[in-house]
Protein backbone atom coordinates (compact mmCIF):
# COMPACT_ATOMS: atom_id res chain seq x y z
CA MET A 1 119.80 87.44 89.42
CA LYS A 2 119.78 91.32 88.32
CA TRP A 3 116.09 90.84 87.56
CA GLY A 4 115.39 89.39 90.44
CA GLY A 5 117.04 91.77 92.91
CA MET A 6 115.01 94.57 91.07
CA ILE A 7 111.40 92.57 91.12
CA PHE A 8 112.32 92.32 95.34
CA SER A 9 113.71 96.05 95.95
CA SER A 10 110.28 97.57 94.13
CA LEU A 11 108.14 94.87 96.11
CA PHE A 12 110.34 96.15 99.36
CA THR A 13 109.31 99.86 98.45
CA ILE A 14 106.16 98.96 97.53
CA MET A 15 105.42 97.65 101.07
CA TYR A 16 107.35 100.38 103.18
CA TYR A 17 104.41 102.77 101.57
CA LEU A 18 102.12 100.36 102.55
CA ASP A 19 103.36 99.90 106.15
CA ALA A 20 105.45 103.45 106.92
CA LYS A 21 103.31 105.91 104.90
CA PRO A 22 106.03 107.91 104.57
CA PHE A 23 103.97 110.41 102.74
CA GLU A 24 101.63 113.11 104.00
CA ASN A 25 99.35 112.98 101.22
CA LYS A 26 97.65 109.96 100.98
CA MET A 27 96.97 111.34 96.82
CA MET A 28 101.02 111.41 96.68
CA ARG A 29 101.30 107.29 98.55
CA ASN A 30 98.88 105.94 96.29
CA THR A 31 101.19 107.49 93.06
CA GLU A 32 103.62 106.68 94.34
CA VAL A 33 102.73 102.67 95.07
CA LEU A 34 101.18 102.29 91.34
CA ASN A 35 104.08 103.29 90.59
CA GLU A 36 106.09 101.28 91.71
CA LEU A 37 103.25 98.39 90.25
CA ILE A 38 103.63 99.77 87.38
CA LEU A 39 107.62 98.98 87.55
CA VAL A 40 106.89 95.96 88.49
CA LEU A 41 105.05 94.82 85.44
CA SER A 42 107.33 96.27 83.67
CA ILE A 43 110.11 94.97 84.72
CA TYR A 44 108.08 91.50 84.18
CA VAL A 45 108.38 92.09 80.66
CA LEU A 46 112.75 93.22 80.47
CA PRO A 47 113.59 89.17 80.00
CA THR A 48 111.24 88.96 76.81
CA PHE A 49 114.09 91.60 75.07
CA GLY A 50 117.86 89.50 75.61
CA ASP A 51 118.30 85.89 73.91
CA PHE A 52 115.74 84.09 75.48
CA ILE A 53 113.37 84.23 72.90
CA PRO A 54 115.03 83.00 69.55
CA ASN A 55 114.48 84.31 66.31
CA ASP A 56 113.38 81.19 65.12
CA ALA A 57 110.43 81.07 62.54
CA PRO A 58 107.89 80.79 65.22
CA TYR A 59 109.32 83.71 67.04
CA GLU A 60 110.16 86.23 64.68
CA MET A 61 108.16 88.55 65.64
CA ALA A 62 107.46 87.82 69.01
CA ASN A 63 110.69 90.52 70.25
CA TYR A 64 108.46 93.62 68.56
CA ARG A 65 105.29 93.00 69.98
CA PHE A 66 106.80 92.45 73.55
CA GLY A 67 107.55 96.07 72.86
CA TRP A 68 104.78 96.92 72.25
CA VAL A 69 103.47 95.08 75.54
CA PHE A 70 106.15 97.68 76.76
CA CYS A 71 104.50 100.47 75.90
CA ALA A 72 101.35 99.95 76.63
CA ILE A 73 102.45 99.05 80.85
CA LEU A 74 104.33 102.49 80.38
CA ALA A 75 101.91 104.62 78.28
CA PRO A 76 99.13 104.50 81.07
CA MET A 77 101.60 105.26 84.66
CA LEU A 78 103.39 108.35 82.27
CA LEU A 79 99.22 109.68 81.81
CA PHE A 80 98.50 109.12 84.97
CA ASN A 81 101.44 110.91 86.17
CA PHE A 82 100.92 114.39 84.41
CA VAL A 83 97.34 114.25 85.17
CA MET A 84 99.06 114.14 88.66
CA ILE A 85 101.47 116.59 87.84
CA PHE A 86 98.60 118.93 86.35
CA VAL A 87 95.98 118.67 88.98
CA GLU A 88 98.28 119.24 92.01
CA VAL A 89 99.67 122.03 90.37
CA LEU A 90 96.32 123.86 89.73
CA ILE A 91 95.43 123.37 93.08
CA ILE A 92 98.53 125.38 93.87
CA PHE A 93 97.35 128.28 91.76
CA PHE A 94 93.72 128.46 93.01
CA LYS A 95 95.58 128.17 96.70
CA GLY A 96 97.54 131.20 95.51
CA ILE A 97 94.86 133.34 93.90
CA LYS A 98 92.51 133.05 97.28
CA GLN A 99 95.65 134.17 99.36
């Protein structure tokens, strides 16, 4: 029930960003939509860390492998956000130099 609520909350947030366009900057809107999409993907992986996957012989390393899948989903988002912050800082810096 909680996972479903998180997924629907993220999907409704994406619909709000695309329909209402609350950000003046298009780059900011696209960044937020991408962040929400990656959040939805990571929420889909969360059930694999619970008791849904048994610790029997064929599934011994399944939780470990899904942990790496989770990291592989989150790493590009973190890298993208760091790059976006760096670009915004450079834009602010160069605008300050021009004035």
